[in-house]
Amino acid sequence: MAGSGTAHLRADDGDLEILLRVENMVVEFPVPGGVVHAVSDVSFDLADGETLGIVGESGCGKSTTAKAVIQLPKPTSGTINYRGKDLTELSSEELRKVRPDLQMIFQDPISSLNPRRTVIDIIGEGLRVWGGEGGELSESRVLEIMEAVGIDPRFRDRKPHQFSGGQCQRISIARALVLDPKVIICDEPVSALDVSVQAQILNLLEDMKARYGVTLMFISHDLSVVKNISDRVMVMYLGKICEIAQSDELYANPTHPYTRALMSAIPGATDADDEEVLEGELPSAIDPPAGCRFNTRCPYATDVCRTDEPEILEVRPGHFAACHHPVL
């Protein structure tokens, strides 16, 4: 990993308030015959009010990274600093007090909701668990949030099966917002929805971000979706960060061969002229390649790529890439 000067992987800006800083995070899972290296030495930060998009192929570690930030699962090593507190060092009771600030919206809007509960119970459960509000005040808050996300409060006593997928995702967003969180992790929140509904949910997330001042981590494999919603974008491959930059800069000038290959697969995703073809299969996370993990599929790979792991370096102002041969 790069040294402390680039550990935050953003352009220097003294006016930014950093809400969350992840440093050298590792997540590994023991399995028969070895260890799954799901996330390997990942560092990044999240500024107040920004949306950080995280993209990559299935199995690259993007969802595991996001879930490990909120200690689900707890990282194998590394630090996750939230407002001066290292979440990895907190006791269960201390972590419980922080959890209302860090909420999550899941990929499947229907299966993430309890089918036996009514909408008002699902959305208000967090208020009951954390005891922040009670009685009429709690109900008033739930109805307010329902209306804000576009769910008619008259439907408060309906159950999830009585709603469409898009409406269920609105309920999930309401459930996350009701506790007035500071950070919401969106784990592929539109991938299970029709394209027309995806746009509605993305617009809703943008509206809620502006209205309630929340900060978003947005995980997706769809680069065109991430381009429209993110302030910065982080590209991951096999548990590592390949590239990270402001959204406009990354899409206009992708420098890592993996990023370029991903964008070449989606018409109009990038302004770059050259096309990169991604060949071969994703290596096993149990036995990742030595050196650069992308070297087995990279058209620019040389001997150094197969032996030495590249550092994340600033290739342009505020634009970082982990590559021995970045395309500049």
Protein backbone atom coordinates (compact mmCIF):
# COMPACT_ATOMS: atom_id res chain seq x y z
CA MET A 1 0.00 0.00 0.00
CA ALA A 2 1.12 3.55 -0.57
CA GLY A 3 2.62 5.50 2.26
CA SER A 4 0.81 7.80 4.66
CA GLY A 5 0.96 10.71 2.21
CA THR A 6 -1.57 9.03 -0.09
CA ALA A 7 -3.39 6.79 2.38
CA HIS A 8 -6.51 8.95 2.14
CA LEU A 9 -6.46 8.77 -1.70
CA ARG A 10 -7.90 12.17 -2.47
CA ALA A 11 -6.69 15.62 -3.43
CA ASP A 12 -5.60 17.65 -0.41
CA ASP A 13 -8.46 19.86 0.75
CA GLY A 14 -8.27 21.30 4.23
CA ASP A 15 -11.95 22.31 4.12
CA LEU A 16 -13.21 18.73 4.02
CA GLU A 17 -14.56 17.03 7.12
CA ILE A 18 -13.58 13.36 6.99
CA LEU A 19 -16.35 11.30 8.58
CA LEU A 20 -14.85 7.87 8.02
CA ARG A 21 -11.28 6.74 7.39
CA VAL A 22 -10.39 3.15 6.58
CA GLU A 23 -6.71 2.22 6.79
CA ASN A 24 -5.02 -1.04 5.77
CA MET A 25 -8.22 -3.07 6.16
CA VAL A 26 -7.94 -6.82 5.63
CA VAL A 27 -10.87 -9.25 5.56
CA GLU A 28 -10.14 -12.96 5.33
CA PHE A 29 -12.37 -16.00 5.69
CA PRO A 30 -10.98 -19.44 6.56
CA VAL A 31 -12.29 -22.19 4.28
CA PRO A 32 -11.35 -25.84 3.83
CA GLY A 33 -8.02 -25.87 2.05
CA GLY A 34 -7.03 -22.28 2.68
CA VAL A 35 -8.13 -18.70 3.30
CA VAL A 36 -10.28 -16.44 1.15
CA HIS A 37 -8.47 -13.11 0.78
CA ALA A 38 -11.65 -11.09 0.32
CA VAL A 39 -10.18 -7.64 1.06
CA SER A 40 -6.43 -7.02 1.16
CA ASP A 41 -4.88 -3.88 2.64
CA VAL A 42 -7.52 -1.38 1.53
CA SER A 43 -7.39 2.29 2.58
CA PHE A 44 -9.76 5.14 1.71
CA ASP A 45 -11.82 7.82 3.36
CA LEU A 46 -15.31 9.28 3.16
CA ALA A 47 -15.92 13.01 3.48
CA ASP A 48 -19.03 14.55 4.97
CA GLY A 49 -21.75 14.84 2.33
CA GLU A 50 -20.03 12.98 -0.50
CA THR A 51 -21.05 9.86 -2.39
CA LEU A 52 -18.27 7.32 -2.89
CA GLY A 53 -19.02 4.77 -5.61
CA ILE A 54 -17.34 1.36 -5.38
CA VAL A 55 -17.31 -0.74 -8.55
CA GLY A 56 -15.85 -4.00 -9.82
CA GLU A 57 -16.72 -7.51 -10.95
CA SER A 58 -18.60 -9.93 -8.72
CA GLY A 59 -16.15 -11.29 -6.15
CA CYS A 60 -13.89 -8.23 -6.16
CA GLY A 61 -14.62 -7.45 -2.50
CA LYS A 62 -16.71 -4.31 -2.85
CA SER A 63 -19.67 -5.51 -0.74
CA THR A 64 -17.37 -7.14 1.82
CA THR A 65 -15.46 -3.85 2.11
CA ALA A 66 -18.63 -1.91 2.80
CA LYS A 67 -20.02 -4.42 5.27
CA ALA A 68 -16.70 -4.67 7.12
CA VAL A 69 -16.80 -0.90 7.64
CA ILE A 70 -19.86 -1.40 9.84
CA GLN A 71 -18.33 -4.52 11.41
CA LEU A 72 -20.46 -7.06 9.56
CA PRO A 73 -18.11 -8.94 9.47
CA LYS A 74 -15.42 -7.53 11.72
CA PRO A 75 -12.20 -7.00 9.70
CA THR A 76 -9.30 -9.36 10.22
CA SER A 77 -7.01 -6.35 10.67
CA GLY A 78 -6.81 -2.63 9.97
CA THR A 79 -8.55 0.40 11.44
CA ILE A 80 -11.90 2.05 10.70
CA ASN A 81 -12.01 5.49 12.24
CA TYR A 82 -15.43 7.10 12.55
CA ARG A 83 -15.42 10.55 14.11
CA GLY A 84 -12.36 9.83 16.19
CA LYS A 85 -13.36 6.30 17.23
CA ASP A 86 -11.79 3.13 15.84
CA LEU A 87 -14.81 0.90 15.32
CA THR A 88 -12.65 -2.23 15.41
CA GLU A 89 -11.65 -1.45 19.01
CA LEU A 90 -15.12 -0.73 20.40
CA SER A 91 -16.88 -3.11 22.74
CA SER A 92 -20.26 -4.52 21.69
CA GLU A 93 -22.07 -1.94 23.82
CA GLU A 94 -19.97 0.95 22.49
CA LEU A 95 -20.49 -0.20 18.91
CA ARG A 96 -24.23 -0.46 19.52
CA LYS A 97 -24.33 3.25 20.38
CA VAL A 98 -22.66 4.11 17.06
CA ARG A 99 -24.83 1.90 14.86
CA PRO A 100 -27.71 4.38 14.35
CA ASP A 101 -25.21 6.63 12.53
CA LEU A 102 -24.22 3.86 10.09
CA GLN A 103 -27.14 2.34 8.22
CA MET A 104 -27.43 0.02 5.21
CA ILE A 105 -29.73 -0.51 2.22
CA PHE A 106 -29.55 -4.03 0.82
CA GLN A 107 -29.58 -5.38 -2.73
CA ASP A 108 -32.83 -7.36 -2.69
CA PRO A 109 -35.58 -5.01 -1.49
CA ILE A 110 -38.13 -7.76 -0.94
CA SER A 111 -36.13 -10.40 0.94
CA SER A 112 -34.55 -7.73 3.18
CA LEU A 113 -37.97 -6.89 4.64
CA ASN A 114 -39.75 -9.07 7.19
CA PRO A 115 -42.81 -10.47 5.35
CA ARG A 116 -44.81 -10.79 8.59
CA ARG A 117 -44.42 -7.15 9.67
CA THR A 118 -46.39 -4.13 8.56
CA VAL A 119 -44.65 -1.21 6.89
CA ILE A 120 -44.97 1.04 9.93
CA ASP A 121 -43.44 -1.69 12.13
CA ILE A 122 -40.57 -2.32 9.69
CA ILE A 123 -39.63 1.34 9.39
CA GLY A 124 -40.12 2.09 13.09
CA GLU A 125 -38.24 -0.93 14.42
CA GLY A 126 -34.96 0.98 14.68
CA LEU A 127 -36.59 3.64 16.84
CA ARG A 128 -37.87 0.96 19.18
CA VAL A 129 -34.53 -0.88 19.33
CA TRP A 130 -32.50 2.23 20.08
CA GLY A 131 -35.14 3.84 22.25
CA GLY A 132 -34.64 7.28 20.79
CA GLU A 133 -38.32 8.06 20.41
CA GLY A 134 -41.49 6.59 21.83
CA GLY A 135 -45.22 6.44 21.32
CA GLU A 136 -46.82 9.14 19.22
CA LEU A 137 -43.49 10.84 18.47
CA SER A 138 -42.07 7.64 17.00
CA GLU A 139 -45.16 7.09 14.85
CA SER A 140 -45.07 10.68 13.65
CA ARG A 141 -41.43 10.28 12.61
CA VAL A 142 -42.18 7.07 10.67
CA LEU A 143 -45.12 8.63 8.81
CA GLU A 144 -42.99 11.66 7.96
CA ILE A 145 -40.26 9.47 6.48
CA MET A 146 -42.79 7.35 4.58
CA GLU A 147 -44.15 10.45 2.91
CA ALA A 148 -40.63 11.72 2.18
CA VAL A 149 -39.69 8.55 0.26
CA GLY A 150 -42.95 8.41 -1.68
CA ILE A 151 -44.90 5.78 0.28
CA ASP A 152 -48.45 6.87 1.08
CA PRO A 153 -48.87 6.87 4.90
CA ARG A 154 -52.32 5.33 4.36
CA PHE A 155 -50.48 2.11 3.45
CA ARG A 156 -48.85 1.92 6.89
CA ASP A 157 -50.57 -1.36 7.79
CA ARG A 158 -49.77 -3.18 4.58
CA LYS A 159 -47.09 -5.88 4.37
CA PRO A 160 -44.15 -6.13 1.93
CA HIS A 161 -45.85 -8.59 -0.45
CA GLN A 162 -48.45 -5.93 -1.20
CA PHE A 163 -45.81 -3.64 -2.73
CA SER A 164 -43.72 -3.72 -5.89
CA GLY A 165 -39.93 -4.13 -5.81
CA GLY A 166 -39.40 -0.41 -6.25
CA GLN A 167 -41.83 0.40 -3.44
CA CYS A 168 -40.09 -2.12 -1.18
CA GLN A 169 -36.78 -0.40 -1.86
CA ARG A 170 -38.39 2.91 -0.87
CA ILE A 171 -39.43 1.23 2.38
CA SER A 172 -35.84 0.04 2.88
CA ILE A 173 -34.58 3.60 2.35
CA ALA A 174 -37.13 4.87 4.86
CA ARG A 175 -36.00 2.26 7.38
CA ALA A 176 -32.42 3.49 7.02
CA LEU A 177 -33.34 7.18 7.20
CA VAL A 178 -35.63 7.04 10.21
CA LEU A 179 -32.70 6.99 12.65
CA ASP A 180 -31.20 10.13 11.10
CA PRO A 181 -27.94 8.38 10.10
CA LYS A 182 -24.74 10.13 9.04
CA VAL A 183 -23.60 7.40 6.60
CA ILE A 184 -25.73 5.04 4.51
CA ILE A 185 -24.15 2.09 2.70
CA CYS A 186 -26.09 1.23 -0.44
CA ASP A 187 -25.20 -2.33 -1.47
CA GLU A 188 -26.31 -2.58 -5.13
CA PRO A 189 -29.68 -1.02 -4.24
CA VAL A 190 -31.01 -0.87 -7.82
CA SER A 191 -29.57 -4.02 -9.43
CA ALA A 192 -32.73 -6.05 -8.75
CA LEU A 193 -35.06 -3.39 -10.19
CA ASP A 194 -36.33 -2.58 -13.67
CA VAL A 195 -34.40 0.14 -15.48
CA SER A 196 -37.25 2.65 -15.25
CA VAL A 197 -37.56 2.04 -11.51
CA GLN A 198 -33.78 2.27 -11.07
CA ALA A 199 -33.85 5.89 -12.18
CA GLN A 200 -36.61 6.68 -9.68
CA ILE A 201 -34.67 5.13 -6.79
CA LEU A 202 -31.43 6.88 -7.77
CA ASN A 203 -33.24 10.21 -7.90
CA LEU A 204 -34.77 9.47 -4.51
CA LEU A 205 -31.35 8.74 -3.00
CA GLU A 206 -30.04 12.03 -4.37
CA ASP A 207 -33.04 13.89 -2.95
CA MET A 208 -32.69 12.24 0.45
CA LYS A 209 -28.97 12.99 0.50
CA ALA A 210 -29.68 16.69 -0.05
CA ARG A 211 -32.64 16.82 2.32
CA TYR A 212 -31.14 14.93 5.26
CA GLY A 213 -27.44 15.61 4.72
CA VAL A 214 -26.38 11.97 4.63
CA THR A 215 -23.13 10.60 3.21
CA LEU A 216 -23.32 7.60 0.88
CA MET A 217 -21.19 4.61 -0.02
CA PHE A 218 -22.72 3.26 -3.22
CA ILE A 219 -21.70 -0.25 -4.30
CA SER A 220 -22.52 -1.42 -7.82
CA HIS A 221 -21.20 -3.37 -10.80
CA ASP A 222 -22.94 -0.94 -13.15
CA LEU A 223 -20.49 1.81 -14.10
CA SER A 224 -23.11 3.94 -15.84
CA VAL A 225 -25.21 4.04 -12.66
CA VAL A 226 -22.20 4.87 -10.51
CA LYS A 227 -21.10 7.65 -12.87
CA ASN A 228 -24.36 9.53 -12.36
CA ILE A 229 -24.61 9.33 -8.59
CA SER A 230 -21.01 9.42 -7.30
CA ASP A 231 -18.68 12.27 -6.41
CA ARG A 232 -15.69 9.90 -6.32
CA VAL A 233 -15.35 6.38 -7.68
CA MET A 234 -13.17 3.56 -6.36
CA VAL A 235 -12.48 0.57 -8.62
CA MET A 236 -11.66 -2.77 -6.97
CA TYR A 237 -10.23 -6.00 -8.34
CA LEU A 238 -9.76 -9.21 -6.36
CA GLY A 239 -9.75 -7.49 -2.97
CA LYS A 240 -7.53 -4.57 -3.97
CA ILE A 241 -8.07 -0.95 -4.97
CA CYS A 242 -7.04 -0.41 -8.60
CA GLU A 243 -7.97 3.20 -9.06
CA ILE A 244 -9.78 6.03 -7.32
CA ALA A 245 -10.58 9.57 -8.44
CA GLN A 246 -13.31 12.15 -8.81
CA SER A 247 -16.08 10.68 -10.95
CA ASP A 248 -15.70 13.02 -13.92
CA GLU A 249 -11.92 12.58 -13.93
CA LEU A 250 -12.04 8.79 -13.69
CA TYR A 251 -14.51 8.38 -16.54
CA ALA A 252 -12.70 10.88 -18.75
CA ASN A 253 -9.20 9.56 -18.07
CA PRO A 254 -9.17 5.95 -16.77
CA THR A 255 -5.53 4.94 -16.30
CA HIS A 256 -5.60 1.41 -14.88
CA PRO A 257 -5.98 -1.28 -17.58
CA TYR A 258 -8.71 -2.98 -15.53
CA THR A 259 -10.75 0.23 -15.26
CA ARG A 260 -10.35 0.83 -18.98
CA ALA A 261 -11.50 -2.70 -19.77
CA LEU A 262 -14.56 -2.37 -17.56
CA MET A 263 -15.55 0.89 -19.19
CA SER A 264 -14.95 -0.41 -22.72
CA ALA A 265 -17.63 -3.01 -22.09
CA ILE A 266 -20.28 -0.32 -21.57
CA PRO A 267 -21.06 1.99 -24.53
CA GLY A 268 -20.77 5.62 -23.48
CA ALA A 269 -19.40 4.87 -20.01
CA THR A 270 -16.12 6.67 -20.68
CA ASP A 271 -14.86 9.52 -22.82
CA ALA A 272 -11.64 7.59 -23.59
CA ASP A 273 -11.18 6.56 -27.22
CA ASP A 274 -9.09 3.40 -26.85
CA GLU A 275 -10.85 0.12 -26.15
CA GLU A 276 -9.44 -2.53 -23.84
CA VAL A 277 -10.60 -6.14 -24.04
CA LEU A 278 -10.76 -8.05 -20.76
CA GLU A 279 -9.92 -11.71 -21.29
CA GLY A 280 -9.66 -14.70 -18.98
CA GLU A 281 -11.36 -15.57 -15.72
CA LEU A 282 -11.12 -13.88 -12.34
CA PRO A 283 -8.42 -15.76 -10.33
CA SER A 284 -9.32 -17.46 -7.07
CA ALA A 285 -9.34 -15.29 -3.95
CA ILE A 286 -7.96 -18.32 -2.09
CA ASP A 287 -4.77 -18.22 -4.16
CA PRO A 288 -4.46 -14.73 -5.70
CA PRO A 289 -1.61 -14.07 -8.16
CA ALA A 290 1.69 -12.72 -6.89
CA GLY A 291 2.62 -9.14 -7.74
CA CYS A 292 -0.23 -7.20 -9.29
CA ARG A 293 -3.39 -9.26 -8.92
CA PHE A 294 -4.53 -8.18 -12.38
CA ASN A 295 -1.39 -9.40 -14.15
CA THR A 296 -2.94 -12.67 -15.39
CA ARG A 297 -5.47 -10.73 -17.50
CA CYS A 298 -3.61 -7.52 -18.26
CA PRO A 299 -2.42 -6.80 -21.84
CA TYR A 300 0.38 -4.58 -20.47
CA ALA A 301 1.78 -7.01 -17.88
CA THR A 302 5.56 -7.39 -17.70
CA ASP A 303 7.87 -9.33 -15.39
CA VAL A 304 7.70 -6.67 -12.67
CA CYS A 305 3.90 -6.98 -12.63
CA ARG A 306 4.24 -10.69 -11.83
CA THR A 307 6.65 -10.19 -8.93
CA ASP A 308 6.10 -6.76 -7.35
CA GLU A 309 2.82 -5.44 -6.01
CA PRO A 310 2.24 -1.89 -7.32
CA GLU A 311 1.79 0.97 -4.89
CA ILE A 312 -1.15 3.30 -5.17
CA LEU A 313 0.33 6.51 -6.56
CA GLU A 314 -1.09 9.86 -7.61
CA VAL A 315 -0.99 9.83 -11.43
CA ARG A 316 -2.86 13.13 -11.75
CA PRO A 317 -4.00 15.61 -9.08
CA GLY A 318 -6.46 13.70 -6.91
CA HIS A 319 -6.33 10.67 -9.23
CA PHE A 320 -4.68 7.53 -7.83
CA ALA A 321 -3.90 4.19 -9.48
CA ALA A 322 -2.10 1.01 -8.46
CA CYS A 323 -0.31 0.08 -11.68
CA HIS A 324 3.27 -0.33 -12.86
CA HIS A 325 2.25 0.77 -16.37
CA PRO A 326 -0.65 3.25 -16.09
CA VAL A 327 -2.11 4.44 -19.37
CA LEU A 328 -1.63 8.22 -19.22
